[in-house]
Amino acid sequence: MSNFNKKEFGNNIRKFRKAKGLSQENLAMLLNKTPATIARYETGEIIPNAEQIFNLQWIRYLWIWTI
């Protein structure tokens, strides 16, 4: 069984956000969260719940179709 790495997960959120040209404020607005919460996700201090992870995937999916 592998260990879940919160810091790596947060780095992946940051990479996704930057690759899409989003600021923490933009992503926070899309997820109905505060920019501080996004910052905490990205540092691995906290992890998004299942609903937020689903929403991140949905945003990613929509972005693919708008290109």
PDB file of N, CA and C in Angstrom:
ATOM      1  N   MET A   1       0.847  -1.177   0.000  1.00  0.00           N
ATOM      2  CA  MET A   1       0.000   0.000   0.000  1.00  0.00           C
ATOM      3  C   MET A   1       0.893   1.241   0.000  1.00  0.00           C
ATOM      4  N   SER A   2       0.584   2.188  -0.843  1.00  0.00           N
ATOM      5  CA  SER A   2       1.395   3.399  -0.910  1.00  0.00           C
ATOM      6  C   SER A   2       0.864   4.449   0.066  1.00  0.00           C
ATOM      7  N   ASN A   3       1.757   5.324   0.473  1.00  0.00           N
ATOM      8  CA  ASN A   3       1.379   6.410   1.369  1.00  0.00           C
ATOM      9  C   ASN A   3       0.899   7.599   0.560  1.00  0.00           C
ATOM     10  N   PHE A   4      -0.125   8.261   1.064  1.00  0.00           N
ATOM     11  CA  PHE A   4      -0.638   9.459   0.414  1.00  0.00           C
ATOM     12  C   PHE A   4       0.236  10.628   0.823  1.00  0.00           C
ATOM     13  N   ASN A   5       0.711  11.372  -0.139  1.00  0.00           N
ATOM     14  CA  ASN A   5       1.582  12.506   0.118  1.00  0.00           C
ATOM     15  C   ASN A   5       0.796  13.794  -0.110  1.00  0.00           C
ATOM     16  N   LYS A   6       0.409  14.452   0.987  1.00  0.00           N
ATOM     17  CA  LYS A   6      -0.392  15.673   0.884  1.00  0.00           C
ATOM     18  C   LYS A   6       0.361  16.785   0.178  1.00  0.00           C
ATOM     19  N   LYS A   7       1.669  16.867   0.424  1.00  0.00           N
ATOM     20  CA  LYS A   7       2.454  17.927  -0.201  1.00  0.00           C
ATOM     21  C   LYS A   7       2.516  17.735  -1.724  1.00  0.00           C
ATOM     22  N   GLU A   8       2.703  16.511  -2.163  1.00  0.00           N
ATOM     23  CA  GLU A   8       2.732  16.229  -3.601  1.00  0.00           C
ATOM     24  C   GLU A   8       1.367  16.499  -4.230  1.00  0.00           C
ATOM     25  N   PHE A   9       0.303  16.115  -3.535  1.00  0.00           N
ATOM     26  CA  PHE A   9      -1.049  16.384  -4.031  1.00  0.00           C
ATOM     27  C   PHE A   9      -1.256  17.887  -4.187  1.00  0.00           C
ATOM     28  N   GLY A  10      -0.823  18.648  -3.185  1.00  0.00           N
ATOM     29  CA  GLY A  10      -0.931  20.109  -3.253  1.00  0.00           C
ATOM     30  C   GLY A  10      -0.131  20.694  -4.398  1.00  0.00           C
ATOM     31  N   ASN A  11       1.066  20.148  -4.621  1.00  0.00           N
ATOM     32  CA  ASN A  11       1.886  20.611  -5.745  1.00  0.00           C
ATOM     33  C   ASN A  11       1.188  20.346  -7.079  1.00  0.00           C
ATOM     34  N   ASN A  12       0.489  19.232  -7.172  1.00  0.00           N
ATOM     35  CA  ASN A  12      -0.252  18.931  -8.400  1.00  0.00           C
ATOM     36  C   ASN A  12      -1.392  19.916  -8.616  1.00  0.00           C
ATOM     37  N   ILE A  13      -2.053  20.318  -7.541  1.00  0.00           N
ATOM     38  CA  ILE A  13      -3.103  21.339  -7.664  1.00  0.00           C
ATOM     39  C   ILE A  13      -2.494  22.645  -8.161  1.00  0.00           C
ATOM     40  N   ARG A  14      -1.360  23.025  -7.590  1.00  0.00           N
ATOM     41  CA  ARG A  14      -0.680  24.265  -7.999  1.00  0.00           C
ATOM     42  C   ARG A  14      -0.282  24.191  -9.474  1.00  0.00           C
ATOM     43  N   LYS A  15       0.298  23.062  -9.898  1.00  0.00           N
ATOM     44  CA  LYS A  15       0.705  22.899 -11.298  1.00  0.00           C
ATOM     45  C   LYS A  15      -0.492  23.025 -12.233  1.00  0.00           C
ATOM     46  N   PHE A  16      -1.595  22.372 -11.873  1.00  0.00           N
ATOM     47  CA  PHE A  16      -2.804  22.455 -12.683  1.00  0.00           C
ATOM     48  C   PHE A  16      -3.273  23.903 -12.791  1.00  0.00           C
ATOM     49  N   ARG A  17      -3.346  24.589 -11.635  1.00  0.00           N
ATOM     50  CA  ARG A  17      -3.835  25.971 -11.614  1.00  0.00           C
ATOM     51  C   ARG A  17      -2.959  26.863 -12.487  1.00  0.00           C
ATOM     52  N   LYS A  18      -1.651  26.734 -12.339  1.00  0.00           N
ATOM     53  CA  LYS A  18      -0.744  27.587 -13.115  1.00  0.00           C
ATOM     54  C   LYS A  18      -0.775  27.240 -14.600  1.00  0.00           C
ATOM     55  N   ALA A  19      -0.897  25.956 -14.917  1.00  0.00           N
ATOM     56  CA  ALA A  19      -0.957  25.541 -16.324  1.00  0.00           C
ATOM     57  C   ALA A  19      -2.187  26.115 -17.016  1.00  0.00           C
ATOM     58  N   LYS A  20      -3.251  26.303 -16.255  1.00  0.00           N
ATOM     59  CA  LYS A  20      -4.482  26.860 -16.813  1.00  0.00           C
ATOM     60  C   LYS A  20      -4.534  28.380 -16.728  1.00  0.00           C
ATOM     61  N   GLY A  21      -3.476  28.981 -16.174  1.00  0.00           N
ATOM     62  CA  GLY A  21      -3.415  30.438 -16.095  1.00  0.00           C
ATOM     63  C   GLY A  21      -4.341  31.023 -15.043  1.00  0.00           C
ATOM     64  N   LEU A  22      -4.664  30.235 -14.034  1.00  0.00           N
ATOM     65  CA  LEU A  22      -5.566  30.701 -12.978  1.00  0.00           C
ATOM     66  C   LEU A  22      -4.777  31.203 -11.779  1.00  0.00           C
ATOM     67  N   SER A  23      -5.274  32.260 -11.169  1.00  0.00           N
ATOM     68  CA  SER A  23      -4.716  32.695  -9.890  1.00  0.00           C
ATOM     69  C   SER A  23      -5.404  31.900  -8.785  1.00  0.00           C
ATOM     70  N   GLN A  24      -4.868  31.990  -7.588  1.00  0.00           N
ATOM     71  CA  GLN A  24      -5.537  31.343  -6.460  1.00  0.00           C
ATOM     72  C   GLN A  24      -6.931  31.936  -6.277  1.00  0.00           C
ATOM     73  N   GLU A  25      -7.071  33.221  -6.530  1.00  0.00           N
ATOM     74  CA  GLU A  25      -8.370  33.880  -6.405  1.00  0.00           C
ATOM     75  C   GLU A  25      -9.368  33.332  -7.432  1.00  0.00           C
ATOM     76  N   ASN A  26      -8.903  33.142  -8.679  1.00  0.00           N
ATOM     77  CA  ASN A  26      -9.782  32.598  -9.724  1.00  0.00           C
ATOM     78  C   ASN A  26     -10.246  31.188  -9.378  1.00  0.00           C
ATOM     79  N   LEU A  27      -9.307  30.340  -8.971  1.00  0.00           N
ATOM     80  CA  LEU A  27      -9.658  28.968  -8.624  1.00  0.00           C
ATOM     81  C   LEU A  27     -10.581  28.936  -7.412  1.00  0.00           C
ATOM     82  N   ALA A  28     -10.316  29.792  -6.446  1.00  0.00           N
ATOM     83  CA  ALA A  28     -11.168  29.868  -5.262  1.00  0.00           C
ATOM     84  C   ALA A  28     -12.599  30.223  -5.648  1.00  0.00           C
ATOM     85  N   MET A  29     -12.750  31.160  -6.565  1.00  0.00           N
ATOM     86  CA  MET A  29     -14.081  31.565  -6.998  1.00  0.00           C
ATOM     87  C   MET A  29     -14.793  30.397  -7.692  1.00  0.00           C
ATOM     88  N   LEU A  30     -14.079  29.659  -8.524  1.00  0.00           N
ATOM     89  CA  LEU A  30     -14.675  28.523  -9.225  1.00  0.00           C
ATOM     90  C   LEU A  30     -15.103  27.414  -8.264  1.00  0.00           C
ATOM     91  N   LEU A  31     -14.360  27.258  -7.157  1.00  0.00           N
ATOM     92  CA  LEU A  31     -14.663  26.199  -6.198  1.00  0.00           C
ATOM     93  C   LEU A  31     -15.502  26.682  -5.016  1.00  0.00           C
ATOM     94  N   ASN A  32     -15.828  27.969  -5.020  1.00  0.00           N
ATOM     95  CA  ASN A  32     -16.588  28.566  -3.920  1.00  0.00           C
ATOM     96  C   ASN A  32     -15.836  28.416  -2.592  1.00  0.00           C
ATOM     97  N   LYS A  33     -14.546  28.702  -2.656  1.00  0.00           N
ATOM     98  CA  LYS A  33     -13.658  28.668  -1.496  1.00  0.00           C
ATOM     99  C   LYS A  33     -12.925  29.998  -1.411  1.00  0.00           C
ATOM    100  N   THR A  34     -12.180  30.195  -0.347  1.00  0.00           N
ATOM    101  CA  THR A  34     -11.376  31.411  -0.227  1.00  0.00           C
ATOM    102  C   THR A  34      -9.987  31.161  -0.828  1.00  0.00           C
ATOM    103  N   PRO A  35      -9.312  32.232  -1.254  1.00  0.00           N
ATOM    104  CA  PRO A  35      -7.945  32.060  -1.740  1.00  0.00           C
ATOM    105  C   PRO A  35      -7.034  31.440  -0.670  1.00  0.00           C
ATOM    106  N   ALA A  36      -7.294  31.742   0.593  1.00  0.00           N
ATOM    107  CA  ALA A  36      -6.494  31.153   1.674  1.00  0.00           C
ATOM    108  C   ALA A  36      -6.653  29.637   1.706  1.00  0.00           C
ATOM    109  N   THR A  37      -7.856  29.145   1.428  1.00  0.00           N
ATOM    110  CA  THR A  37      -8.084  27.703   1.391  1.00  0.00           C
ATOM    111  C   THR A  37      -7.318  27.073   0.245  1.00  0.00           C
ATOM    112  N   ILE A  38      -7.313  27.722  -0.907  1.00  0.00           N
ATOM    113  CA  ILE A  38      -6.555  27.212  -2.057  1.00  0.00           C
ATOM    114  C   ILE A  38      -5.070  27.159  -1.702  1.00  0.00           C
ATOM    115  N   ALA A  39      -4.568  28.191  -1.049  1.00  0.00           N
ATOM    116  CA  ALA A  39      -3.166  28.205  -0.632  1.00  0.00           C
ATOM    117  C   ALA A  39      -2.877  27.039   0.311  1.00  0.00           C
ATOM    118  N   ARG A  40      -3.796  26.756   1.209  1.00  0.00           N
ATOM    119  CA  ARG A  40      -3.609  25.637   2.146  1.00  0.00           C
ATOM    120  C   ARG A  40      -3.658  24.295   1.422  1.00  0.00           C
ATOM    121  N   TYR A  41      -4.498  24.176   0.396  1.00  0.00           N
ATOM    122  CA  TYR A  41      -4.500  22.962  -0.432  1.00  0.00           C
ATOM    123  C   TYR A  41      -3.130  22.790  -1.075  1.00  0.00           C
ATOM    124  N   GLU A  42      -2.622  23.871  -1.651  1.00  0.00           N
ATOM    125  CA  GLU A  42      -1.388  23.805  -2.428  1.00  0.00           C
ATOM    126  C   GLU A  42      -0.153  23.516  -1.579  1.00  0.00           C
ATOM    127  N   THR A  43      -0.177  23.898  -0.328  1.00  0.00           N
ATOM    128  CA  THR A  43       0.962  23.612   0.552  1.00  0.00           C
ATOM    129  C   THR A  43       0.840  22.251   1.216  1.00  0.00           C
ATOM    130  N   GLY A  44      -0.293  21.608   1.054  1.00  0.00           N
ATOM    131  CA  GLY A  44      -0.510  20.312   1.675  1.00  0.00           C
ATOM    132  C   GLY A  44      -0.940  20.406   3.121  1.00  0.00           C
ATOM    133  N   GLU A  45      -1.223  21.619   3.577  1.00  0.00           N
ATOM    134  CA  GLU A  45      -1.683  21.798   4.956  1.00  0.00           C
ATOM    135  C   GLU A  45      -3.025  21.099   5.172  1.00  0.00           C
ATOM    136  N   ILE A  46      -3.898  21.209   4.189  1.00  0.00           N
ATOM    137  CA  ILE A  46      -5.178  20.503   4.198  1.00  0.00           C
ATOM    138  C   ILE A  46      -5.384  19.885   2.823  1.00  0.00           C
ATOM    139  N   ILE A  47      -6.268  18.910   2.745  1.00  0.00           N
ATOM    140  CA  ILE A  47      -6.600  18.334   1.444  1.00  0.00           C
ATOM    141  C   ILE A  47      -8.077  18.594   1.171  1.00  0.00           C
ATOM    142  N   PRO A  48      -8.422  18.779  -0.092  1.00  0.00           N
ATOM    143  CA  PRO A  48      -9.827  18.996  -0.431  1.00  0.00           C
ATOM    144  C   PRO A  48     -10.643  17.744  -0.125  1.00  0.00           C
ATOM    145  N   ASN A  49     -11.904  17.949   0.195  1.00  0.00           N
ATOM    146  CA  ASN A  49     -12.778  16.787   0.398  1.00  0.00           C
ATOM    147  C   ASN A  49     -13.147  16.209  -0.969  1.00  0.00           C
ATOM    148  N   ALA A  50     -13.870  15.115  -0.943  1.00  0.00           N
ATOM    149  CA  ALA A  50     -14.211  14.410  -2.189  1.00  0.00           C
ATOM    150  C   ALA A  50     -14.981  15.309  -3.155  1.00  0.00           C
ATOM    151  N   GLU A  51     -15.870  16.125  -2.632  1.00  0.00           N
ATOM    152  CA  GLU A  51     -16.651  17.015  -3.497  1.00  0.00           C
ATOM    153  C   GLU A  51     -15.745  18.024  -4.199  1.00  0.00           C
ATOM    154  N   GLN A  52     -14.790  18.591  -3.469  1.00  0.00           N
ATOM    155  CA  GLN A  52     -13.883  19.562  -4.074  1.00  0.00           C
ATOM    156  C   GLN A  52     -12.962  18.905  -5.098  1.00  0.00           C
ATOM    157  N   ILE A  53     -12.528  17.688  -4.816  1.00  0.00           N
ATOM    158  CA  ILE A  53     -11.701  16.965  -5.792  1.00  0.00           C
ATOM    159  C   ILE A  53     -12.509  16.714  -7.061  1.00  0.00           C
ATOM    160  N   PHE A  54     -13.771  16.334  -6.910  1.00  0.00           N
ATOM    161  CA  PHE A  54     -14.645  16.146  -8.065  1.00  0.00           C
ATOM    162  C   PHE A  54     -14.767  17.459  -8.847  1.00  0.00           C
ATOM    163  N   ASN A  55     -14.953  18.564  -8.144  1.00  0.00           N
ATOM    164  CA  ASN A  55     -15.084  19.865  -8.808  1.00  0.00           C
ATOM    165  C   ASN A  55     -13.805  20.249  -9.545  1.00  0.00           C
ATOM    166  N   LEU A  56     -12.647  19.936  -8.952  1.00  0.00           N
ATOM    167  CA  LEU A  56     -11.380  20.200  -9.642  1.00  0.00           C
ATOM    168  C   LEU A  56     -11.308  19.407 -10.943  1.00  0.00           C
ATOM    169  N   GLN A  57     -11.742  18.166 -10.905  1.00  0.00           N
ATOM    170  CA  GLN A  57     -11.743  17.336 -12.109  1.00  0.00           C
ATOM    171  C   GLN A  57     -12.729  17.893 -13.145  1.00  0.00           C
ATOM    172  N   TRP A  58     -13.853  18.371 -12.699  1.00  0.00           N
ATOM    173  CA  TRP A  58     -14.854  18.946 -13.601  1.00  0.00           C
ATOM    174  C   TRP A  58     -14.299  20.199 -14.275  1.00  0.00           C
ATOM    175  N   ILE A  59     -13.629  21.046 -13.503  1.00  0.00           N
ATOM    176  CA  ILE A  59     -13.009  22.246 -14.073  1.00  0.00           C
ATOM    177  C   ILE A  59     -11.973  21.844 -15.113  1.00  0.00           C
ATOM    178  N   ARG A  60     -11.181  20.838 -14.797  1.00  0.00           N
ATOM    179  CA  ARG A  60     -10.171  20.352 -15.739  1.00  0.00           C
ATOM    180  C   ARG A  60     -10.827  19.839 -17.020  1.00  0.00           C
ATOM    181  N   TYR A  61     -11.903  19.096 -16.885  1.00  0.00           N
ATOM    182  CA  TYR A  61     -12.632  18.564 -18.037  1.00  0.00           C
ATOM    183  C   TYR A  61     -13.179  19.699 -18.901  1.00  0.00           C
ATOM    184  N   LEU A  62     -13.800  20.679 -18.274  1.00  0.00           N
ATOM    185  CA  LEU A  62     -14.358  21.805 -19.033  1.00  0.00           C
ATOM    186  C   LEU A  62     -13.265  22.573 -19.752  1.00  0.00           C
ATOM    187  N   TRP A  63     -12.107  22.708 -19.117  1.00  0.00           N
ATOM    188  CA  TRP A  63     -11.013  23.445 -19.733  1.00  0.00           C
ATOM    189  C   TRP A  63     -10.545  22.760 -21.004  1.00  0.00           C
ATOM    190  N   ILE A  64     -10.524  21.439 -20.991  1.00  0.00           N
ATOM    191  CA  ILE A  64     -10.099  20.697 -22.175  1.00  0.00           C
ATOM    192  C   ILE A  64     -11.033  20.992 -23.339  1.00  0.00           C
ATOM    193  N   TRP A  65     -12.328  21.077 -23.099  1.00  0.00           N
ATOM    194  CA  TRP A  65     -13.304  21.279 -24.163  1.00  0.00           C
ATOM    195  C   TRP A  65     -13.391  22.718 -24.646  1.00  0.00           C
ATOM    196  N   THR A  66     -12.793  23.655 -23.896  1.00  0.00           N
ATOM    197  CA  THR A  66     -12.831  25.053 -24.340  1.00  0.00           C
ATOM    198  C   THR A  66     -11.631  25.423 -25.181  1.00  0.00           C
ATOM    199  N   ILE A  67     -10.694  24.515 -25.294  1.00  0.00           N
ATOM    200  CA  ILE A  67      -9.472  24.798 -26.084  1.00  0.00           C
ATOM    201  C   ILE A  67      -9.756  24.604 -27.556  1.00  0.00           C
TER     202      ILE A  67
END
